[in-house]
Amino acid sequence: MPKASEIKKNAAIEHNGRVMIVKDIERSVPQGRAGGSLYRMRMYDVVTGGKVDETFKDVEMLNLADLVRRAAMFSYIDGDEYVFMDNEDYTPYNLNKDNIADEVLFINEETQGLHVVIVDGAPVAIDLPASVELEVIETDPSIKGASATSRTKPATLSTGVIIQVPEHISTGDKVKVNTEEKKFMGRADK
């Protein structure tokens, strides 16, 4: 049983008799408390899809739920469902767009290293790779002679996500993006 401080995003935990997927974690250190951080977790019930916000002390013990991570690739969109295909046995996994809204911003046909999270035989979440390569489809023109470390400008990527990129990046460039922090990491290898 891990402590609350050891739980990561997309972990499945058992809480109040329900299996919950942790979607977001905020750590805070209240002033005046002797030691101990607090971890506010936004979780979703895997059965009902209901949202729950819960705060745990850093030393509180939590039960991990049984879950399976299967390597998969994005296949196609069917209405409000995103369909992923298992890399080994080609099983299709359908996930509702609302349940994976944050992850969808980094998924395209070329995304490698995706995992579908399965709890009790049902797909419930997507685990993204640490970084993805996406094409810049719209940004201000690049400034000749701009250094790679100077000011940034907004850029719209092929999946619709908007990130800040250095001034030397132009429309059509492929960039590497950190999926956890939604930040520019560098140009993609050609």
N, C-alpha and C. Protein backbone atom coordinates (compact mmCIF):
# COMPACT_ATOMS: atom_id res chain seq x y z
N MET A 1 0.84 -1.20 0.00
CA MET A 1 0.00 0.00 0.00
C MET A 1 0.88 1.24 0.00
N PRO A 2 0.77 2.06 -1.03
CA PRO A 2 1.58 3.28 -1.08
C PRO A 2 0.97 4.41 -0.25
N LYS A 3 1.83 5.35 0.11
CA LYS A 3 1.37 6.56 0.79
C LYS A 3 0.78 7.50 -0.27
N ALA A 4 -0.01 8.45 0.17
CA ALA A 4 -0.61 9.43 -0.75
C ALA A 4 0.47 10.18 -1.53
N SER A 5 1.62 10.40 -0.91
CA SER A 5 2.70 11.14 -1.57
C SER A 5 3.34 10.35 -2.70
N GLU A 6 3.10 9.05 -2.77
CA GLU A 6 3.69 8.20 -3.80
C GLU A 6 2.76 7.94 -4.99
N ILE A 7 1.52 8.41 -4.90
CA ILE A 7 0.54 8.20 -5.97
C ILE A 7 0.85 9.13 -7.14
N LYS A 8 0.74 8.60 -8.35
CA LYS A 8 0.99 9.37 -9.58
C LYS A 8 -0.32 9.51 -10.37
N LYS A 9 -0.31 10.42 -11.35
CA LYS A 9 -1.47 10.59 -12.22
C LYS A 9 -1.77 9.27 -12.94
N ASN A 10 -3.05 9.03 -13.19
CA ASN A 10 -3.58 7.85 -13.87
C ASN A 10 -3.41 6.57 -13.06
N ALA A 11 -3.12 6.70 -11.76
CA ALA A 11 -3.10 5.53 -10.89
C ALA A 11 -4.55 5.19 -10.55
N ALA A 12 -4.82 3.92 -10.34
CA ALA A 12 -6.17 3.50 -9.93
C ALA A 12 -6.11 3.15 -8.45
N ILE A 13 -6.97 3.77 -7.66
CA ILE A 13 -7.00 3.47 -6.23
C ILE A 13 -8.42 3.07 -5.82
N GLU A 14 -8.50 2.32 -4.73
CA GLU A 14 -9.80 1.99 -4.15
C GLU A 14 -10.06 3.00 -3.05
N HIS A 15 -11.20 3.70 -3.15
CA HIS A 15 -11.53 4.73 -2.18
C HIS A 15 -13.04 4.68 -1.92
N ASN A 16 -13.41 4.56 -0.67
CA ASN A 16 -14.83 4.47 -0.28
C ASN A 16 -15.57 3.36 -1.03
N GLY A 17 -14.88 2.23 -1.22
CA GLY A 17 -15.51 1.08 -1.87
C GLY A 17 -15.66 1.20 -3.37
N ARG A 18 -15.05 2.22 -3.97
CA ARG A 18 -15.13 2.41 -5.42
C ARG A 18 -13.73 2.47 -6.00
N VAL A 19 -13.61 2.10 -7.26
CA VAL A 19 -12.32 2.20 -7.95
C VAL A 19 -12.29 3.57 -8.63
N MET A 20 -11.23 4.34 -8.34
CA MET A 20 -11.10 5.69 -8.85
C MET A 20 -9.79 5.82 -9.63
N ILE A 21 -9.82 6.58 -10.73
CA ILE A 21 -8.61 6.91 -11.49
C ILE A 21 -8.21 8.33 -11.11
N VAL A 22 -6.96 8.52 -10.69
CA VAL A 22 -6.46 9.83 -10.31
C VAL A 22 -6.10 10.60 -11.57
N LYS A 23 -6.76 11.73 -11.81
CA LYS A 23 -6.53 12.52 -13.01
C LYS A 23 -5.63 13.72 -12.76
N ASP A 24 -5.66 14.26 -11.55
CA ASP A 24 -4.86 15.45 -11.27
C ASP A 24 -4.47 15.44 -9.80
N ILE A 25 -3.26 15.91 -9.51
CA ILE A 25 -2.77 15.96 -8.14
C ILE A 25 -2.17 17.33 -7.88
N GLU A 26 -2.62 17.97 -6.79
CA GLU A 26 -2.04 19.24 -6.37
C GLU A 26 -1.46 19.04 -4.98
N ARG A 27 -0.19 19.41 -4.83
CA ARG A 27 0.47 19.29 -3.53
C ARG A 27 0.49 20.65 -2.87
N SER A 28 0.13 20.70 -1.59
CA SER A 28 0.21 21.97 -0.87
C SER A 28 0.83 21.72 0.50
N VAL A 29 1.52 22.74 1.00
CA VAL A 29 2.14 22.66 2.32
C VAL A 29 1.54 23.79 3.15
N PRO A 30 0.50 23.48 3.92
CA PRO A 30 -0.14 24.53 4.72
C PRO A 30 0.83 25.10 5.76
N GLN A 31 0.77 26.41 5.96
CA GLN A 31 1.61 27.06 6.96
C GLN A 31 1.09 26.74 8.36
N GLY A 32 2.00 26.61 9.28
CA GLY A 32 1.60 26.39 10.66
C GLY A 32 1.36 24.94 11.02
N ARG A 33 1.44 24.04 10.03
CA ARG A 33 1.27 22.61 10.34
C ARG A 33 2.64 22.02 10.58
N ALA A 34 2.73 21.19 11.56
CA ALA A 34 4.01 20.53 11.83
C ALA A 34 4.22 19.45 10.78
N GLY A 35 5.13 19.70 9.83
CA GLY A 35 5.42 18.71 8.79
C GLY A 35 4.22 18.50 7.88
N GLY A 36 4.29 17.46 7.13
CA GLY A 36 3.15 16.98 6.35
C GLY A 36 2.60 17.86 5.27
N SER A 37 2.67 17.38 4.05
CA SER A 37 2.04 18.04 2.92
C SER A 37 0.65 17.47 2.74
N LEU A 38 -0.18 18.20 2.02
CA LEU A 38 -1.50 17.70 1.66
C LEU A 38 -1.54 17.48 0.16
N TYR A 39 -2.21 16.40 -0.25
CA TYR A 39 -2.33 16.07 -1.67
C TYR A 39 -3.81 16.08 -2.02
N ARG A 40 -4.19 17.08 -2.84
CA ARG A 40 -5.57 17.17 -3.31
C ARG A 40 -5.63 16.44 -4.64
N MET A 41 -6.47 15.42 -4.71
CA MET A 41 -6.55 14.59 -5.91
C MET A 41 -7.93 14.71 -6.54
N ARG A 42 -7.94 14.96 -7.85
CA ARG A 42 -9.18 14.92 -8.62
C ARG A 42 -9.25 13.53 -9.22
N MET A 43 -10.32 12.80 -8.87
CA MET A 43 -10.46 11.41 -9.29
C MET A 43 -11.79 11.21 -9.99
N TYR A 44 -11.82 10.17 -10.84
CA TYR A 44 -13.04 9.80 -11.55
C TYR A 44 -13.39 8.36 -11.24
N ASP A 45 -14.65 8.13 -10.92
CA ASP A 45 -15.15 6.78 -10.68
C ASP A 45 -15.14 6.03 -12.01
N VAL A 46 -14.51 4.85 -12.04
CA VAL A 46 -14.41 4.12 -13.31
C VAL A 46 -15.75 3.55 -13.77
N VAL A 47 -16.67 3.37 -12.85
CA VAL A 47 -17.97 2.81 -13.22
C VAL A 47 -18.93 3.90 -13.68
N THR A 48 -19.10 4.94 -12.85
CA THR A 48 -20.10 5.97 -13.15
C THR A 48 -19.53 7.16 -13.90
N GLY A 49 -18.19 7.33 -13.85
CA GLY A 49 -17.58 8.50 -14.48
C GLY A 49 -17.68 9.74 -13.62
N GLY A 50 -18.26 9.61 -12.42
CA GLY A 50 -18.43 10.74 -11.51
C GLY A 50 -17.10 11.30 -11.03
N LYS A 51 -17.06 12.61 -10.84
CA LYS A 51 -15.84 13.29 -10.42
C LYS A 51 -15.84 13.45 -8.90
N VAL A 52 -14.68 13.19 -8.28
CA VAL A 52 -14.54 13.32 -6.83
C VAL A 52 -13.24 14.06 -6.55
N ASP A 53 -13.30 15.09 -5.70
CA ASP A 53 -12.09 15.76 -5.23
C ASP A 53 -11.88 15.36 -3.78
N GLU A 54 -10.70 14.89 -3.47
CA GLU A 54 -10.41 14.40 -2.13
C GLU A 54 -9.01 14.87 -1.74
N THR A 55 -8.83 15.20 -0.45
CA THR A 55 -7.53 15.63 0.04
C THR A 55 -7.00 14.59 1.02
N PHE A 56 -5.73 14.22 0.83
CA PHE A 56 -5.09 13.22 1.69
C PHE A 56 -3.84 13.81 2.31
N LYS A 57 -3.53 13.37 3.54
CA LYS A 57 -2.25 13.72 4.15
C LYS A 57 -1.18 12.87 3.46
N ASP A 58 0.06 13.40 3.42
CA ASP A 58 1.12 12.71 2.68
C ASP A 58 1.42 11.30 3.20
N VAL A 59 1.18 11.03 4.48
CA VAL A 59 1.49 9.71 5.04
C VAL A 59 0.29 8.76 5.03
N GLU A 60 -0.87 9.24 4.58
CA GLU A 60 -2.06 8.40 4.52
C GLU A 60 -1.84 7.25 3.54
N MET A 61 -2.22 6.04 3.95
CA MET A 61 -2.03 4.87 3.09
C MET A 61 -3.25 4.68 2.19
N LEU A 62 -3.02 4.41 0.90
CA LEU A 62 -4.10 4.21 -0.06
C LEU A 62 -3.96 2.84 -0.70
N ASN A 63 -5.09 2.23 -1.03
CA ASN A 63 -5.09 0.92 -1.70
C ASN A 63 -5.08 1.12 -3.21
N LEU A 64 -4.11 0.49 -3.86
CA LEU A 64 -4.11 0.51 -5.32
C LEU A 64 -5.12 -0.51 -5.83
N ALA A 65 -5.84 -0.16 -6.86
CA ALA A 65 -6.80 -1.09 -7.46
C ALA A 65 -6.08 -1.93 -8.50
N ASP A 66 -6.67 -3.07 -8.81
CA ASP A 66 -6.10 -3.92 -9.86
C ASP A 66 -6.36 -3.26 -11.21
N LEU A 67 -5.29 -3.00 -11.91
CA LEU A 67 -5.45 -2.44 -13.24
C LEU A 67 -4.40 -3.03 -14.16
N VAL A 68 -4.70 -2.98 -15.44
CA VAL A 68 -3.80 -3.50 -16.46
C VAL A 68 -3.52 -2.36 -17.43
N ARG A 69 -2.27 -2.21 -17.81
CA ARG A 69 -1.89 -1.23 -18.84
C ARG A 69 -1.52 -2.01 -20.09
N ARG A 70 -2.25 -1.75 -21.19
CA ARG A 70 -2.00 -2.44 -22.45
C ARG A 70 -1.47 -1.45 -23.48
N ALA A 71 -0.36 -1.81 -24.12
CA ALA A 71 0.19 -0.97 -25.19
C ALA A 71 -0.83 -0.91 -26.32
N ALA A 72 -1.10 0.29 -26.80
CA ALA A 72 -2.12 0.46 -27.83
C ALA A 72 -1.74 1.62 -28.74
N MET A 73 -2.48 1.73 -29.83
CA MET A 73 -2.30 2.86 -30.73
C MET A 73 -3.66 3.44 -31.08
N PHE A 74 -3.68 4.75 -31.36
CA PHE A 74 -4.91 5.40 -31.74
C PHE A 74 -5.35 4.88 -33.10
N SER A 75 -6.65 4.54 -33.23
CA SER A 75 -7.15 3.99 -34.47
C SER A 75 -8.05 4.98 -35.21
N TYR A 76 -9.18 5.36 -34.59
CA TYR A 76 -10.10 6.29 -35.25
C TYR A 76 -11.08 6.87 -34.24
N ILE A 77 -11.86 7.87 -34.70
CA ILE A 77 -12.89 8.49 -33.87
C ILE A 77 -14.24 8.03 -34.38
N ASP A 78 -15.11 7.61 -33.45
CA ASP A 78 -16.46 7.16 -33.79
C ASP A 78 -17.44 7.98 -32.96
N GLY A 79 -17.90 9.11 -33.49
CA GLY A 79 -18.79 9.99 -32.73
C GLY A 79 -18.04 10.60 -31.55
N ASP A 80 -18.52 10.33 -30.33
CA ASP A 80 -17.86 10.82 -29.11
C ASP A 80 -16.86 9.82 -28.56
N GLU A 81 -16.65 8.73 -29.26
CA GLU A 81 -15.74 7.68 -28.79
C GLU A 81 -14.42 7.72 -29.57
N TYR A 82 -13.34 7.60 -28.83
CA TYR A 82 -12.02 7.42 -29.45
C TYR A 82 -11.71 5.93 -29.38
N VAL A 83 -11.32 5.34 -30.48
CA VAL A 83 -11.06 3.90 -30.52
C VAL A 83 -9.56 3.67 -30.63
N PHE A 84 -9.05 2.84 -29.71
CA PHE A 84 -7.64 2.49 -29.68
C PHE A 84 -7.52 0.99 -29.94
N MET A 85 -6.44 0.59 -30.58
CA MET A 85 -6.24 -0.81 -30.94
C MET A 85 -5.07 -1.36 -30.14
N ASP A 86 -5.30 -2.52 -29.48
CA ASP A 86 -4.25 -3.19 -28.72
C ASP A 86 -3.12 -3.57 -29.67
N ASN A 87 -1.87 -3.30 -29.28
CA ASN A 87 -0.72 -3.59 -30.16
C ASN A 87 -0.45 -5.08 -30.32
N GLU A 88 -0.91 -5.91 -29.37
CA GLU A 88 -0.61 -7.34 -29.44
C GLU A 88 -1.74 -8.15 -30.06
N ASP A 89 -2.94 -8.03 -29.50
CA ASP A 89 -4.04 -8.88 -29.99
C ASP A 89 -5.11 -8.12 -30.76
N TYR A 90 -4.88 -6.84 -31.05
CA TYR A 90 -5.76 -6.00 -31.87
C TYR A 90 -7.16 -5.82 -31.28
N THR A 91 -7.31 -5.96 -29.98
CA THR A 91 -8.59 -5.70 -29.33
C THR A 91 -8.88 -4.20 -29.41
N PRO A 92 -10.09 -3.81 -29.84
CA PRO A 92 -10.41 -2.38 -29.85
C PRO A 92 -10.86 -1.92 -28.46
N TYR A 93 -10.40 -0.74 -28.05
CA TYR A 93 -10.81 -0.14 -26.77
C TYR A 93 -11.48 1.19 -27.08
N ASN A 94 -12.75 1.32 -26.68
CA ASN A 94 -13.48 2.57 -26.90
C ASN A 94 -13.47 3.39 -25.62
N LEU A 95 -13.08 4.66 -25.74
CA LEU A 95 -13.08 5.58 -24.61
C LEU A 95 -13.84 6.83 -24.99
N ASN A 96 -14.70 7.30 -24.09
CA ASN A 96 -15.47 8.50 -24.35
C ASN A 96 -14.55 9.72 -24.36
N LYS A 97 -14.80 10.63 -25.29
CA LYS A 97 -13.97 11.82 -25.45
C LYS A 97 -13.89 12.63 -24.15
N ASP A 98 -14.98 12.73 -23.41
CA ASP A 98 -14.99 13.51 -22.17
C ASP A 98 -14.06 12.92 -21.11
N ASN A 99 -13.92 11.60 -21.08
CA ASN A 99 -13.07 10.95 -20.07
C ASN A 99 -11.59 11.14 -20.35
N ILE A 100 -11.23 11.40 -21.60
CA ILE A 100 -9.81 11.54 -21.95
C ILE A 100 -9.55 12.90 -22.61
N ALA A 101 -10.31 13.92 -22.23
CA ALA A 101 -10.21 15.24 -22.87
C ALA A 101 -8.80 15.81 -22.82
N ASP A 102 -8.10 15.69 -21.69
CA ASP A 102 -6.74 16.24 -21.58
C ASP A 102 -5.76 15.47 -22.45
N GLU A 103 -5.91 14.14 -22.50
CA GLU A 103 -4.99 13.30 -23.26
C GLU A 103 -5.16 13.45 -24.77
N VAL A 104 -6.41 13.70 -25.21
CA VAL A 104 -6.71 13.81 -26.64
C VAL A 104 -5.87 14.91 -27.30
N LEU A 105 -5.50 15.93 -26.53
CA LEU A 105 -4.72 17.04 -27.07
C LEU A 105 -3.34 16.61 -27.55
N PHE A 106 -2.91 15.41 -27.19
CA PHE A 106 -1.57 14.94 -27.56
C PHE A 106 -1.59 13.66 -28.40
N ILE A 107 -2.76 13.27 -28.87
CA ILE A 107 -2.89 12.01 -29.60
C ILE A 107 -3.16 12.25 -31.07
N ASN A 108 -2.37 11.59 -31.92
CA ASN A 108 -2.67 11.54 -33.34
C ASN A 108 -2.29 10.15 -33.84
N GLU A 109 -2.41 9.91 -35.14
CA GLU A 109 -2.15 8.58 -35.69
C GLU A 109 -0.71 8.13 -35.51
N GLU A 110 0.21 9.08 -35.34
CA GLU A 110 1.63 8.75 -35.24
C GLU A 110 2.11 8.58 -33.80
N THR A 111 1.27 8.87 -32.81
CA THR A 111 1.70 8.83 -31.41
C THR A 111 2.11 7.41 -31.02
N GLN A 112 3.33 7.27 -30.55
CA GLN A 112 3.88 5.98 -30.11
C GLN A 112 3.94 5.96 -28.59
N GLY A 113 3.85 4.76 -27.99
CA GLY A 113 4.02 4.62 -26.54
C GLY A 113 2.77 4.84 -25.72
N LEU A 114 1.59 4.81 -26.36
CA LEU A 114 0.33 4.94 -25.62
C LEU A 114 0.02 3.65 -24.87
N HIS A 115 -0.65 3.79 -23.73
CA HIS A 115 -1.15 2.63 -23.01
C HIS A 115 -2.60 2.89 -22.63
N VAL A 116 -3.45 1.88 -22.80
CA VAL A 116 -4.83 1.95 -22.35
C VAL A 116 -4.87 1.34 -20.95
N VAL A 117 -5.48 2.06 -20.00
CA VAL A 117 -5.61 1.57 -18.63
C VAL A 117 -6.93 0.83 -18.51
N ILE A 118 -6.87 -0.44 -18.08
CA ILE A 118 -8.06 -1.29 -17.99
C ILE A 118 -8.29 -1.68 -16.54
N VAL A 119 -9.49 -1.43 -16.03
CA VAL A 119 -9.87 -1.83 -14.68
C VAL A 119 -11.11 -2.71 -14.79
N ASP A 120 -11.05 -3.88 -14.20
CA ASP A 120 -12.16 -4.84 -14.25
C ASP A 120 -12.62 -5.11 -15.68
N GLY A 121 -11.68 -5.22 -16.61
CA GLY A 121 -12.00 -5.55 -17.99
C GLY A 121 -12.50 -4.40 -18.85
N ALA A 122 -12.66 -3.20 -18.26
CA ALA A 122 -13.16 -2.06 -19.02
C ALA A 122 -12.08 -0.99 -19.19
N PRO A 123 -11.90 -0.45 -20.40
CA PRO A 123 -10.93 0.63 -20.58
C PRO A 123 -11.43 1.90 -19.89
N VAL A 124 -10.56 2.54 -19.10
CA VAL A 124 -10.99 3.70 -18.32
C VAL A 124 -10.14 4.95 -18.54
N ALA A 125 -8.90 4.79 -19.05
CA ALA A 125 -8.03 5.95 -19.20
C ALA A 125 -6.93 5.65 -20.21
N ILE A 126 -6.20 6.70 -20.56
CA ILE A 126 -5.06 6.60 -21.46
C ILE A 126 -3.83 7.08 -20.71
N ASP A 127 -2.75 6.33 -20.81
CA ASP A 127 -1.45 6.76 -20.30
C ASP A 127 -0.64 7.25 -21.49
N LEU A 128 -0.28 8.52 -21.46
CA LEU A 128 0.50 9.09 -22.56
C LEU A 128 1.99 8.83 -22.34
N PRO A 129 2.75 8.80 -23.43
CA PRO A 129 4.21 8.76 -23.26
C PRO A 129 4.67 10.10 -22.66
N ALA A 130 5.90 10.15 -22.16
CA ALA A 130 6.41 11.37 -21.53
C ALA A 130 6.44 12.54 -22.50
N SER A 131 6.70 12.24 -23.79
CA SER A 131 6.72 13.31 -24.79
C SER A 131 6.15 12.79 -26.10
N VAL A 132 5.61 13.72 -26.88
CA VAL A 132 5.09 13.39 -28.21
C VAL A 132 5.63 14.40 -29.21
N GLU A 133 5.63 14.02 -30.49
CA GLU A 133 6.06 14.92 -31.55
C GLU A 133 4.83 15.35 -32.34
N LEU A 134 4.63 16.67 -32.44
CA LEU A 134 3.48 17.22 -33.15
C LEU A 134 3.93 18.34 -34.07
N GLU A 135 3.14 18.57 -35.11
CA GLU A 135 3.49 19.60 -36.09
C GLU A 135 2.86 20.93 -35.71
N VAL A 136 3.60 22.02 -35.89
CA VAL A 136 3.09 23.38 -35.67
C VAL A 136 2.26 23.74 -36.90
N ILE A 137 0.96 24.00 -36.70
CA ILE A 137 0.13 24.35 -37.86
C ILE A 137 -0.14 25.84 -37.95
N GLU A 138 0.09 26.57 -36.83
CA GLU A 138 -0.11 28.01 -36.88
C GLU A 138 0.71 28.69 -35.80
N THR A 139 1.51 29.66 -36.21
CA THR A 139 2.26 30.49 -35.28
C THR A 139 2.71 31.74 -36.03
N ASP A 140 3.13 32.76 -35.30
CA ASP A 140 3.65 33.96 -35.94
C ASP A 140 4.89 33.58 -36.75
N PRO A 141 5.21 34.35 -37.78
CA PRO A 141 6.41 34.03 -38.57
C PRO A 141 7.65 34.00 -37.69
N SER A 142 8.60 33.13 -38.07
CA SER A 142 9.83 33.06 -37.30
C SER A 142 10.65 34.31 -37.56
N ILE A 143 11.42 34.69 -36.56
CA ILE A 143 12.24 35.89 -36.67
C ILE A 143 13.66 35.45 -36.97
N LYS A 144 14.19 35.89 -38.09
CA LYS A 144 15.54 35.49 -38.51
C LYS A 144 16.54 35.98 -37.46
N GLY A 145 17.40 35.06 -37.05
CA GLY A 145 18.42 35.42 -36.07
C GLY A 145 17.95 35.34 -34.63
N ALA A 146 16.69 34.94 -34.39
CA ALA A 146 16.21 34.81 -33.01
C ALA A 146 16.92 33.64 -32.36
N SER A 147 17.31 33.84 -31.13
CA SER A 147 18.03 32.75 -30.44
C SER A 147 17.04 31.73 -29.90
N ALA A 148 17.54 30.53 -29.67
CA ALA A 148 16.67 29.44 -29.21
C ALA A 148 16.23 29.62 -27.77
N THR A 149 16.88 30.50 -27.03
CA THR A 149 16.56 30.62 -25.60
C THR A 149 15.85 31.91 -25.25
N SER A 150 15.54 32.74 -26.25
CA SER A 150 14.94 34.03 -25.93
C SER A 150 13.43 33.93 -25.74
N ARG A 151 12.74 34.95 -26.15
CA ARG A 151 11.29 35.05 -25.92
C ARG A 151 10.51 33.94 -26.62
N THR A 152 9.27 33.75 -26.17
CA THR A 152 8.42 32.72 -26.76
C THR A 152 7.19 33.36 -27.40
N LYS A 153 6.49 32.53 -28.18
CA LYS A 153 5.25 32.95 -28.83
C LYS A 153 4.31 31.75 -28.82
N PRO A 154 2.98 31.99 -28.88
CA PRO A 154 2.05 30.86 -28.90
C PRO A 154 2.08 30.15 -30.25
N ALA A 155 1.91 28.82 -30.22
CA ALA A 155 1.84 28.03 -31.44
C ALA A 155 0.72 27.01 -31.31
N THR A 156 -0.11 26.89 -32.34
CA THR A 156 -1.16 25.88 -32.38
C THR A 156 -0.59 24.65 -33.05
N LEU A 157 -0.73 23.49 -32.38
CA LEU A 157 -0.20 22.25 -32.93
C LEU A 157 -1.29 21.48 -33.66
N SER A 158 -0.91 20.42 -34.36
CA SER A 158 -1.82 19.67 -35.22
C SER A 158 -3.02 19.08 -34.49
N THR A 159 -2.93 18.88 -33.17
CA THR A 159 -4.06 18.32 -32.42
C THR A 159 -4.94 19.40 -31.81
N GLY A 160 -4.55 20.68 -31.99
CA GLY A 160 -5.34 21.78 -31.45
C GLY A 160 -4.80 22.37 -30.16
N VAL A 161 -3.84 21.71 -29.53
CA VAL A 161 -3.27 22.23 -28.29
C VAL A 161 -2.39 23.45 -28.62
N ILE A 162 -2.42 24.43 -27.74
CA ILE A 162 -1.61 25.64 -27.92
C ILE A 162 -0.54 25.66 -26.84
N ILE A 163 0.73 25.78 -27.28
CA ILE A 163 1.84 25.85 -26.33
C ILE A 163 2.72 27.04 -26.69
N GLN A 164 3.61 27.40 -25.79
CA GLN A 164 4.59 28.45 -26.05
C GLN A 164 5.83 27.83 -26.68
N VAL A 165 6.30 28.44 -27.78
CA VAL A 165 7.51 27.96 -28.46
C VAL A 165 8.48 29.13 -28.63
N PRO A 166 9.77 28.84 -28.79
CA PRO A 166 10.73 29.92 -29.05
C PRO A 166 10.43 30.61 -30.38
N GLU A 167 10.91 31.85 -30.53
CA GLU A 167 10.61 32.65 -31.72
C GLU A 167 11.14 32.05 -33.01
N HIS A 168 12.16 31.19 -32.94
CA HIS A 168 12.75 30.65 -34.18
C HIS A 168 11.93 29.52 -34.78
N ILE A 169 10.91 29.02 -34.09
CA ILE A 169 10.04 27.96 -34.60
C ILE A 169 9.02 28.57 -35.56
N SER A 170 8.78 27.89 -36.70
CA SER A 170 7.82 28.41 -37.66
C SER A 170 6.78 27.35 -38.03
N THR A 171 5.72 27.78 -38.70
CA THR A 171 4.65 26.89 -39.14
C THR A 171 5.26 25.77 -40.00
N GLY A 172 4.83 24.52 -39.73
CA GLY A 172 5.34 23.38 -40.47
C GLY A 172 6.43 22.62 -39.73
N ASP A 173 7.05 23.24 -38.72
CA ASP A 173 8.08 22.56 -37.94
C ASP A 173 7.44 21.48 -37.06
N LYS A 174 8.16 20.39 -36.83
CA LYS A 174 7.72 19.38 -35.88
C LYS A 174 8.45 19.64 -34.57
N VAL A 175 7.67 19.64 -33.46
CA VAL A 175 8.26 19.92 -32.16
C VAL A 175 7.97 18.78 -31.19
N LYS A 176 8.83 18.65 -30.20
CA LYS A 176 8.67 17.67 -29.14
C LYS A 176 8.00 18.37 -27.96
N VAL A 177 6.93 17.76 -27.41
CA VAL A 177 6.16 18.39 -26.35
C VAL A 177 6.11 17.47 -25.13
N ASN A 178 6.37 18.02 -23.95
CA ASN A 178 6.23 17.29 -22.69
C ASN A 178 4.74 17.18 -22.39
N THR A 179 4.21 15.95 -22.32
CA THR A 179 2.77 15.76 -22.14
C THR A 179 2.31 16.07 -20.72
N GLU A 180 3.19 15.93 -19.75
CA GLU A 180 2.83 16.19 -18.35
C GLU A 180 2.67 17.69 -18.10
N GLU A 181 3.63 18.48 -18.60
CA GLU A 181 3.64 19.92 -18.32
C GLU A 181 3.12 20.76 -19.48
N LYS A 182 2.80 20.12 -20.61
CA LYS A 182 2.32 20.81 -21.82
C LYS A 182 3.32 21.89 -22.24
N LYS A 183 4.61 21.51 -22.28
CA LYS A 183 5.66 22.48 -22.61
C LYS A 183 6.52 22.00 -23.77
N PHE A 184 7.03 22.97 -24.51
CA PHE A 184 7.95 22.75 -25.61
C PHE A 184 9.25 22.16 -25.07
N MET A 185 9.76 21.10 -25.73
CA MET A 185 11.02 20.47 -25.30
C MET A 185 12.13 20.67 -26.33
N GLY A 186 11.76 20.92 -27.58
CA GLY A 186 12.77 21.08 -28.63
C GLY A 186 12.16 20.68 -29.96
N ARG A 187 12.96 20.84 -31.00
CA ARG A 187 12.52 20.39 -32.32
C ARG A 187 12.54 18.87 -32.34
N ALA A 188 11.62 18.32 -33.12
CA ALA A 188 11.59 16.87 -33.29
C ALA A 188 12.69 16.46 -34.24
N ASP A 189 13.21 15.26 -34.06
CA ASP A 189 14.22 14.75 -34.99
C ASP A 189 13.57 14.52 -36.34
N LYS A 190 14.22 14.92 -37.38
CA LYS A 190 13.66 14.79 -38.73
C LYS A 190 13.56 13.34 -39.15
